Amino acid sequence: MELNQIAARIHRFLEEEFPNDSVELTGDTDLLDQWFIDSLGITETIIFLEGAFEIEISRADINGSNFQNIASLSEFVARRLSA
């Protein structure tokens, strides 16, 4: 799966599950400071990623580097898919 396809699926999920009219969601939008309301959002995103992309996410993977924005999250998923 191409990186832009991964990013598009993540983008669509985030906009549908966590609508935020005050912030435009782009590949660089800070997901932790500008988009997620609480840790439940991260948990729901992990469940989505594991199901949609058939990957496993460990506790160590849940960090600010991987979950910073759609671009970093897409790169993380792409690495998991190629492993």
PDB file of N, CA and C in Angstrom:
ATOM      1  N   MET A   1       0.841  -1.172   0.000  1.00  0.00           N
ATOM      2  CA  MET A   1       0.000   0.000   0.000  1.00  0.00           C
ATOM      3  C   MET A   1       0.891   1.242   0.000  1.00  0.00           C
ATOM      4  N   GLU A   2       0.546   2.199  -0.817  1.00  0.00           N
ATOM      5  CA  GLU A   2       1.313   3.438  -0.948  1.00  0.00           C
ATOM      6  C   GLU A   2       1.121   4.334   0.276  1.00  0.00           C
ATOM      7  N   LEU A   3       2.128   5.133   0.569  1.00  0.00           N
ATOM      8  CA  LEU A   3       2.092   6.033   1.716  1.00  0.00           C
ATOM      9  C   LEU A   3       0.908   7.002   1.636  1.00  0.00           C
ATOM     10  N   ASN A   4       0.625   7.523   0.438  1.00  0.00           N
ATOM     11  CA  ASN A   4      -0.495   8.462   0.311  1.00  0.00           C
ATOM     12  C   ASN A   4      -1.843   7.782   0.532  1.00  0.00           C
ATOM     13  N   GLN A   5      -1.951   6.500   0.223  1.00  0.00           N
ATOM     14  CA  GLN A   5      -3.182   5.755   0.488  1.00  0.00           C
ATOM     15  C   GLN A   5      -3.368   5.547   1.995  1.00  0.00           C
ATOM     16  N   ILE A   6      -2.280   5.252   2.667  1.00  0.00           N
ATOM     17  CA  ILE A   6      -2.328   5.090   4.124  1.00  0.00           C
ATOM     18  C   ILE A   6      -2.758   6.407   4.770  1.00  0.00           C
ATOM     19  N   ALA A   7      -2.132   7.497   4.339  1.00  0.00           N
ATOM     20  CA  ALA A   7      -2.451   8.816   4.889  1.00  0.00           C
ATOM     21  C   ALA A   7      -3.911   9.184   4.641  1.00  0.00           C
ATOM     22  N   ALA A   8      -4.422   8.868   3.471  1.00  0.00           N
ATOM     23  CA  ALA A   8      -5.822   9.190   3.147  1.00  0.00           C
ATOM     24  C   ALA A   8      -6.784   8.430   4.053  1.00  0.00           C
ATOM     25  N   ARG A   9      -6.501   7.172   4.323  1.00  0.00           N
ATOM     26  CA  ARG A   9      -7.375   6.377   5.213  1.00  0.00           C
ATOM     27  C   ARG A   9      -7.335   6.904   6.637  1.00  0.00           C
ATOM     28  N   ILE A  10      -6.152   7.260   7.099  1.00  0.00           N
ATOM     29  CA  ILE A  10      -6.019   7.813   8.448  1.00  0.00           C
ATOM     30  C   ILE A  10      -6.734   9.159   8.538  1.00  0.00           C
ATOM     31  N   HIS A  11      -6.541   9.991   7.546  1.00  0.00           N
ATOM     32  CA  HIS A  11      -7.182  11.311   7.501  1.00  0.00           C
ATOM     33  C   HIS A  11      -8.698  11.172   7.563  1.00  0.00           C
ATOM     34  N   ARG A  12      -9.231  10.296   6.752  1.00  0.00           N
ATOM     35  CA  ARG A  12     -10.678  10.069   6.711  1.00  0.00           C
ATOM     36  C   ARG A  12     -11.190   9.597   8.076  1.00  0.00           C
ATOM     37  N   PHE A  13     -10.485   8.651   8.681  1.00  0.00           N
ATOM     38  CA  PHE A  13     -10.866   8.146  10.002  1.00  0.00           C
ATOM     39  C   PHE A  13     -10.889   9.274  11.034  1.00  0.00           C
ATOM     40  N   LEU A  14      -9.825  10.056  11.093  1.00  0.00           N
ATOM     41  CA  LEU A  14      -9.735  11.111  12.092  1.00  0.00           C
ATOM     42  C   LEU A  14     -10.821  12.158  11.924  1.00  0.00           C
ATOM     43  N   GLU A  15     -11.106  12.537  10.694  1.00  0.00           N
ATOM     44  CA  GLU A  15     -12.153  13.528  10.468  1.00  0.00           C
ATOM     45  C   GLU A  15     -13.535  12.998  10.823  1.00  0.00           C
ATOM     46  N   GLU A  16     -13.777  11.712  10.556  1.00  0.00           N
ATOM     47  CA  GLU A  16     -15.082  11.132  10.862  1.00  0.00           C
ATOM     48  C   GLU A  16     -15.259  10.878  12.355  1.00  0.00           C
ATOM     49  N   GLU A  17     -14.234  10.379  13.008  1.00  0.00           N
ATOM     50  CA  GLU A  17     -14.344  10.002  14.416  1.00  0.00           C
ATOM     51  C   GLU A  17     -14.129  11.162  15.387  1.00  0.00           C
ATOM     52  N   PHE A  18     -13.316  12.119  14.994  1.00  0.00           N
ATOM     53  CA  PHE A  18     -12.974  13.235  15.877  1.00  0.00           C
ATOM     54  C   PHE A  18     -13.126  14.568  15.145  1.00  0.00           C
ATOM     55  N   PRO A  19     -14.335  14.911  14.734  1.00  0.00           N
ATOM     56  CA  PRO A  19     -14.515  16.173  14.000  1.00  0.00           C
ATOM     57  C   PRO A  19     -14.067  17.365  14.843  1.00  0.00           C
ATOM     58  N   ASN A  20     -13.415  18.300  14.191  1.00  0.00           N
ATOM     59  CA  ASN A  20     -12.912  19.486  14.880  1.00  0.00           C
ATOM     60  C   ASN A  20     -13.001  20.650  13.898  1.00  0.00           C
ATOM     61  N   ASP A  21     -14.053  21.412  14.000  1.00  0.00           N
ATOM     62  CA  ASP A  21     -14.282  22.513  13.067  1.00  0.00           C
ATOM     63  C   ASP A  21     -13.306  23.669  13.238  1.00  0.00           C
ATOM     64  N   SER A  22     -12.627  23.725  14.373  1.00  0.00           N
ATOM     65  CA  SER A  22     -11.738  24.858  14.623  1.00  0.00           C
ATOM     66  C   SER A  22     -10.318  24.653  14.091  1.00  0.00           C
ATOM     67  N   VAL A  23     -10.004  23.433  13.625  1.00  0.00           N
ATOM     68  CA  VAL A  23      -8.656  23.139  13.125  1.00  0.00           C
ATOM     69  C   VAL A  23      -8.775  22.401  11.793  1.00  0.00           C
ATOM     70  N   GLU A  24      -7.989  22.861  10.806  1.00  0.00           N
ATOM     71  CA  GLU A  24      -7.945  22.143   9.530  1.00  0.00           C
ATOM     72  C   GLU A  24      -6.975  20.974   9.691  1.00  0.00           C
ATOM     73  N   LEU A  25      -7.456  19.783   9.360  1.00  0.00           N
ATOM     74  CA  LEU A  25      -6.614  18.593   9.476  1.00  0.00           C
ATOM     75  C   LEU A  25      -5.795  18.414   8.204  1.00  0.00           C
ATOM     76  N   THR A  26      -4.485  18.554   8.349  1.00  0.00           N
ATOM     77  CA  THR A  26      -3.560  18.345   7.242  1.00  0.00           C
ATOM     78  C   THR A  26      -2.561  17.281   7.659  1.00  0.00           C
ATOM     79  N   GLY A  27      -1.663  16.950   6.800  1.00  0.00           N
ATOM     80  CA  GLY A  27      -0.631  15.971   7.122  1.00  0.00           C
ATOM     81  C   GLY A  27       0.276  16.414   8.247  1.00  0.00           C
ATOM     82  N   ASP A  28       0.345  17.730   8.494  1.00  0.00           N
ATOM     83  CA  ASP A  28       1.238  18.278   9.507  1.00  0.00           C
ATOM     84  C   ASP A  28       0.531  18.738  10.779  1.00  0.00           C
ATOM     85  N   THR A  29      -0.795  18.617  10.834  1.00  0.00           N
ATOM     86  CA  THR A  29      -1.520  19.035  12.028  1.00  0.00           C
ATOM     87  C   THR A  29      -1.067  18.200  13.221  1.00  0.00           C
ATOM     88  N   ASP A  30      -0.709  18.856  14.305  1.00  0.00           N
ATOM     89  CA  ASP A  30      -0.253  18.149  15.498  1.00  0.00           C
ATOM     90  C   ASP A  30      -1.433  17.421  16.133  1.00  0.00           C
ATOM     91  N   LEU A  31      -1.411  16.099  16.057  1.00  0.00           N
ATOM     92  CA  LEU A  31      -2.535  15.298  16.528  1.00  0.00           C
ATOM     93  C   LEU A  31      -2.669  15.303  18.042  1.00  0.00           C
ATOM     94  N   LEU A  32      -1.567  15.434  18.747  1.00  0.00           N
ATOM     95  CA  LEU A  32      -1.615  15.376  20.207  1.00  0.00           C
ATOM     96  C   LEU A  32      -2.019  16.710  20.818  1.00  0.00           C
ATOM     97  N   ASP A  33      -1.595  17.804  20.237  1.00  0.00           N
ATOM     98  CA  ASP A  33      -1.906  19.116  20.801  1.00  0.00           C
ATOM     99  C   ASP A  33      -3.125  19.779  20.171  1.00  0.00           C
ATOM    100  N   GLN A  34      -3.404  19.484  18.909  1.00  0.00           N
ATOM    101  CA  GLN A  34      -4.478  20.189  18.226  1.00  0.00           C
ATOM    102  C   GLN A  34      -5.688  19.331  17.893  1.00  0.00           C
ATOM    103  N   TRP A  35      -5.574  18.026  17.916  1.00  0.00           N
ATOM    104  CA  TRP A  35      -6.673  17.212  17.418  1.00  0.00           C
ATOM    105  C   TRP A  35      -7.313  16.301  18.460  1.00  0.00           C
ATOM    106  N   PHE A  36      -6.542  15.493  19.182  1.00  0.00           N
ATOM    107  CA  PHE A  36      -7.113  14.564  20.153  1.00  0.00           C
ATOM    108  C   PHE A  36      -7.573  15.303  21.392  1.00  0.00           C
ATOM    109  N   ILE A  37      -8.712  14.913  21.901  1.00  0.00           N
ATOM    110  CA  ILE A  37      -9.230  15.506  23.124  1.00  0.00           C
ATOM    111  C   ILE A  37      -8.592  14.848  24.339  1.00  0.00           C
ATOM    112  N   ASP A  38      -8.455  13.537  24.319  1.00  0.00           N
ATOM    113  CA  ASP A  38      -7.905  12.807  25.464  1.00  0.00           C
ATOM    114  C   ASP A  38      -7.294  11.487  25.001  1.00  0.00           C
ATOM    115  N   SER A  39      -6.866  10.684  25.949  1.00  0.00           N
ATOM    116  CA  SER A  39      -6.212   9.416  25.628  1.00  0.00           C
ATOM    117  C   SER A  39      -7.162   8.425  24.961  1.00  0.00           C
ATOM    118  N   LEU A  40      -8.446   8.598  25.145  1.00  0.00           N
ATOM    119  CA  LEU A  40      -9.410   7.724  24.476  1.00  0.00           C
ATOM    120  C   LEU A  40      -9.274   7.841  22.956  1.00  0.00           C
ATOM    121  N   GLY A  41      -9.002   9.027  22.466  1.00  0.00           N
ATOM    122  CA  GLY A  41      -8.796   9.216  21.033  1.00  0.00           C
ATOM    123  C   GLY A  41      -7.617   8.432  20.508  1.00  0.00           C
ATOM    124  N   ILE A  42      -6.554   8.382  21.281  1.00  0.00           N
ATOM    125  CA  ILE A  42      -5.381   7.604  20.887  1.00  0.00           C
ATOM    126  C   ILE A  42      -5.726   6.125  20.873  1.00  0.00           C
ATOM    127  N   THR A  43      -6.440   5.680  21.899  1.00  0.00           N
ATOM    128  CA  THR A  43      -6.841   4.274  21.973  1.00  0.00           C
ATOM    129  C   THR A  43      -7.709   3.889  20.791  1.00  0.00           C
ATOM    130  N   GLU A  44      -8.675   4.715  20.449  1.00  0.00           N
ATOM    131  CA  GLU A  44      -9.543   4.430  19.309  1.00  0.00           C
ATOM    132  C   GLU A  44      -8.763   4.428  18.002  1.00  0.00           C
ATOM    133  N   THR A  45      -7.781   5.298  17.889  1.00  0.00           N
ATOM    134  CA  THR A  45      -6.943   5.333  16.683  1.00  0.00           C
ATOM    135  C   THR A  45      -6.110   4.060  16.576  1.00  0.00           C
ATOM    136  N   ILE A  46      -5.582   3.587  17.683  1.00  0.00           N
ATOM    137  CA  ILE A  46      -4.809   2.340  17.683  1.00  0.00           C
ATOM    138  C   ILE A  46      -5.689   1.176  17.233  1.00  0.00           C
ATOM    139  N   ILE A  47      -6.888   1.098  17.763  1.00  0.00           N
ATOM    140  CA  ILE A  47      -7.817   0.032  17.369  1.00  0.00           C
ATOM    141  C   ILE A  47      -8.110   0.118  15.872  1.00  0.00           C
ATOM    142  N   PHE A  48      -8.325   1.324  15.375  1.00  0.00           N
ATOM    143  CA  PHE A  48      -8.560   1.507  13.939  1.00  0.00           C
ATOM    144  C   PHE A  48      -7.352   1.037  13.118  1.00  0.00           C
ATOM    145  N   LEU A  49      -6.159   1.483  13.489  1.00  0.00           N
ATOM    146  CA  LEU A  49      -4.954   1.135  12.727  1.00  0.00           C
ATOM    147  C   LEU A  49      -4.719  -0.366  12.705  1.00  0.00           C
ATOM    148  N   GLU A  50      -4.883  -1.014  13.843  1.00  0.00           N
ATOM    149  CA  GLU A  50      -4.667  -2.453  13.900  1.00  0.00           C
ATOM    150  C   GLU A  50      -5.671  -3.198  13.023  1.00  0.00           C
ATOM    151  N   GLY A  51      -6.903  -2.754  13.012  1.00  0.00           N
ATOM    152  CA  GLY A  51      -7.924  -3.412  12.200  1.00  0.00           C
ATOM    153  C   GLY A  51      -7.825  -3.078  10.719  1.00  0.00           C
ATOM    154  N   ALA A  52      -7.656  -1.809  10.411  1.00  0.00           N
ATOM    155  CA  ALA A  52      -7.645  -1.367   9.014  1.00  0.00           C
ATOM    156  C   ALA A  52      -6.412  -1.832   8.250  1.00  0.00           C
ATOM    157  N   PHE A  53      -5.281  -1.879   8.938  1.00  0.00           N
ATOM    158  CA  PHE A  53      -4.030  -2.215   8.264  1.00  0.00           C
ATOM    159  C   PHE A  53      -3.473  -3.577   8.671  1.00  0.00           C
ATOM    160  N   GLU A  54      -4.184  -4.263   9.567  1.00  0.00           N
ATOM    161  CA  GLU A  54      -3.781  -5.583  10.034  1.00  0.00           C
ATOM    162  C   GLU A  54      -2.347  -5.587  10.558  1.00  0.00           C
ATOM    163  N   ILE A  55      -2.091  -4.642  11.461  1.00  0.00           N
ATOM    164  CA  ILE A  55      -0.783  -4.546  12.111  1.00  0.00           C
ATOM    165  C   ILE A  55      -0.990  -4.637  13.622  1.00  0.00           C
ATOM    166  N   GLU A  56       0.099  -4.900  14.329  1.00  0.00           N
ATOM    167  CA  GLU A  56       0.059  -4.889  15.786  1.00  0.00           C
ATOM    168  C   GLU A  56       0.858  -3.698  16.278  1.00  0.00           C
ATOM    169  N   ILE A  57       0.297  -3.015  17.254  1.00  0.00           N
ATOM    170  CA  ILE A  57       0.961  -1.848  17.832  1.00  0.00           C
ATOM    171  C   ILE A  57       1.261  -2.164  19.290  1.00  0.00           C
ATOM    172  N   SER A  58       2.527  -2.053  19.646  1.00  0.00           N
ATOM    173  CA  SER A  58       2.929  -2.332  21.028  1.00  0.00           C
ATOM    174  C   SER A  58       2.876  -1.040  21.844  1.00  0.00           C
ATOM    175  N   ARG A  59       2.945  -1.204  23.122  1.00  0.00           N
ATOM    176  CA  ARG A  59       2.938  -0.047  24.028  1.00  0.00           C
ATOM    177  C   ARG A  59       4.102   0.897  23.704  1.00  0.00           C
ATOM    178  N   ALA A  60       5.252   0.346  23.354  1.00  0.00           N
ATOM    179  CA  ALA A  60       6.430   1.163  23.036  1.00  0.00           C
ATOM    180  C   ALA A  60       6.226   2.002  21.770  1.00  0.00           C
ATOM    181  N   ASP A  61       5.322   1.570  20.891  1.00  0.00           N
ATOM    182  CA  ASP A  61       5.049   2.307  19.653  1.00  0.00           C
ATOM    183  C   ASP A  61       4.205   3.550  19.878  1.00  0.00           C
ATOM    184  N   ILE A  62       3.557   3.616  21.032  1.00  0.00           N
ATOM    185  CA  ILE A  62       2.639   4.719  21.314  1.00  0.00           C
ATOM    186  C   ILE A  62       3.446   5.858  21.931  1.00  0.00           C
ATOM    187  N   ASN A  63       3.888   6.740  21.056  1.00  0.00           N
ATOM    188  CA  ASN A  63       4.717   7.857  21.501  1.00  0.00           C
ATOM    189  C   ASN A  63       4.486   9.077  20.611  1.00  0.00           C
ATOM    190  N   GLY A  64       5.014  10.195  21.045  1.00  0.00           N
ATOM    191  CA  GLY A  64       4.835  11.447  20.325  1.00  0.00           C
ATOM    192  C   GLY A  64       5.449  11.464  18.935  1.00  0.00           C
ATOM    193  N   SER A  65       6.478  10.681  18.720  1.00  0.00           N
ATOM    194  CA  SER A  65       7.100  10.640  17.389  1.00  0.00           C
ATOM    195  C   SER A  65       6.192   9.975  16.371  1.00  0.00           C
ATOM    196  N   ASN A  66       5.612   8.829  16.731  1.00  0.00           N
ATOM    197  CA  ASN A  66       4.738   8.111  15.795  1.00  0.00           C
ATOM    198  C   ASN A  66       3.382   8.776  15.643  1.00  0.00           C
ATOM    199  N   PHE A  67       2.865   9.373  16.714  1.00  0.00           N
ATOM    200  CA  PHE A  67       1.520   9.938  16.707  1.00  0.00           C
ATOM    201  C   PHE A  67       1.519  11.466  16.596  1.00  0.00           C
ATOM    202  N   GLN A  68       2.604  12.040  16.121  1.00  0.00           N
ATOM    203  CA  GLN A  68       2.704  13.495  16.034  1.00  0.00           C
ATOM    204  C   GLN A  68       1.714  14.080  15.031  1.00  0.00           C
ATOM    205  N   ASN A  69       1.649  13.508  13.842  1.00  0.00           N
ATOM    206  CA  ASN A  69       0.749  14.012  12.801  1.00  0.00           C
ATOM    207  C   ASN A  69       0.431  12.871  11.831  1.00  0.00           C
ATOM    208  N   ILE A  70      -0.394  13.151  10.850  1.00  0.00           N
ATOM    209  CA  ILE A  70      -0.772  12.108   9.896  1.00  0.00           C
ATOM    210  C   ILE A  70       0.451  11.605   9.143  1.00  0.00           C
ATOM    211  N   ALA A  71       1.367  12.489   8.809  1.00  0.00           N
ATOM    212  CA  ALA A  71       2.571  12.080   8.076  1.00  0.00           C
ATOM    213  C   ALA A  71       3.390  11.068   8.882  1.00  0.00           C
ATOM    214  N   SER A  72       3.638  11.359  10.157  1.00  0.00           N
ATOM    215  CA  SER A  72       4.443  10.436  10.967  1.00  0.00           C
ATOM    216  C   SER A  72       3.687   9.150  11.253  1.00  0.00           C
ATOM    217  N   LEU A  73       2.389   9.243  11.436  1.00  0.00           N
ATOM    218  CA  LEU A  73       1.581   8.046  11.677  1.00  0.00           C
ATOM    219  C   LEU A  73       1.544   7.163  10.436  1.00  0.00           C
ATOM    220  N   SER A  74       1.450   7.770   9.268  1.00  0.00           N
ATOM    221  CA  SER A  74       1.446   7.017   8.009  1.00  0.00           C
ATOM    222  C   SER A  74       2.779   6.316   7.784  1.00  0.00           C
ATOM    223  N   GLU A  75       3.861   7.007   8.099  1.00  0.00           N
ATOM    224  CA  GLU A  75       5.191   6.400   7.958  1.00  0.00           C
ATOM    225  C   GLU A  75       5.351   5.225   8.920  1.00  0.00           C
ATOM    226  N   PHE A  76       4.836   5.363  10.132  1.00  0.00           N
ATOM    227  CA  PHE A  76       4.870   4.273  11.096  1.00  0.00           C
ATOM    228  C   PHE A  76       4.118   3.061  10.561  1.00  0.00           C
ATOM    229  N   VAL A  77       2.910   3.280  10.055  1.00  0.00           N
ATOM    230  CA  VAL A  77       2.107   2.177   9.504  1.00  0.00           C
ATOM    231  C   VAL A  77       2.828   1.545   8.323  1.00  0.00           C
ATOM    232  N   ALA A  78       3.390   2.352   7.445  1.00  0.00           N
ATOM    233  CA  ALA A  78       4.115   1.829   6.274  1.00  0.00           C
ATOM    234  C   ALA A  78       5.280   0.942   6.712  1.00  0.00           C
ATOM    235  N   ARG A  79       6.006   1.347   7.748  1.00  0.00           N
ATOM    236  CA  ARG A  79       7.112   0.529   8.263  1.00  0.00           C
ATOM    237  C   ARG A  79       6.588  -0.807   8.778  1.00  0.00           C
ATOM    238  N   ARG A  80       5.477  -0.792   9.473  1.00  0.00           N
ATOM    239  CA  ARG A  80       4.880  -2.029   9.991  1.00  0.00           C
ATOM    240  C   ARG A  80       4.419  -2.928   8.862  1.00  0.00           C
ATOM    241  N   LEU A  81       3.863  -2.354   7.830  1.00  0.00           N
ATOM    242  CA  LEU A  81       3.383  -3.152   6.701  1.00  0.00           C
ATOM    243  C   LEU A  81       4.526  -3.802   5.933  1.00  0.00           C
ATOM    244  N   SER A  82       5.674  -3.155   5.915  1.00  0.00           N
ATOM    245  CA  SER A  82       6.810  -3.712   5.166  1.00  0.00           C
ATOM    246  C   SER A  82       7.669  -4.643   6.008  1.00  0.00           C
ATOM    247  N   ALA A  83       7.400  -4.707   7.303  1.00  0.00           N
ATOM    248  CA  ALA A  83       8.204  -5.569   8.195  1.00  0.00           C
ATOM    249  C   ALA A  83       7.817  -7.022   8.060  1.00  0.00           C
TER     250      ALA A  83
END
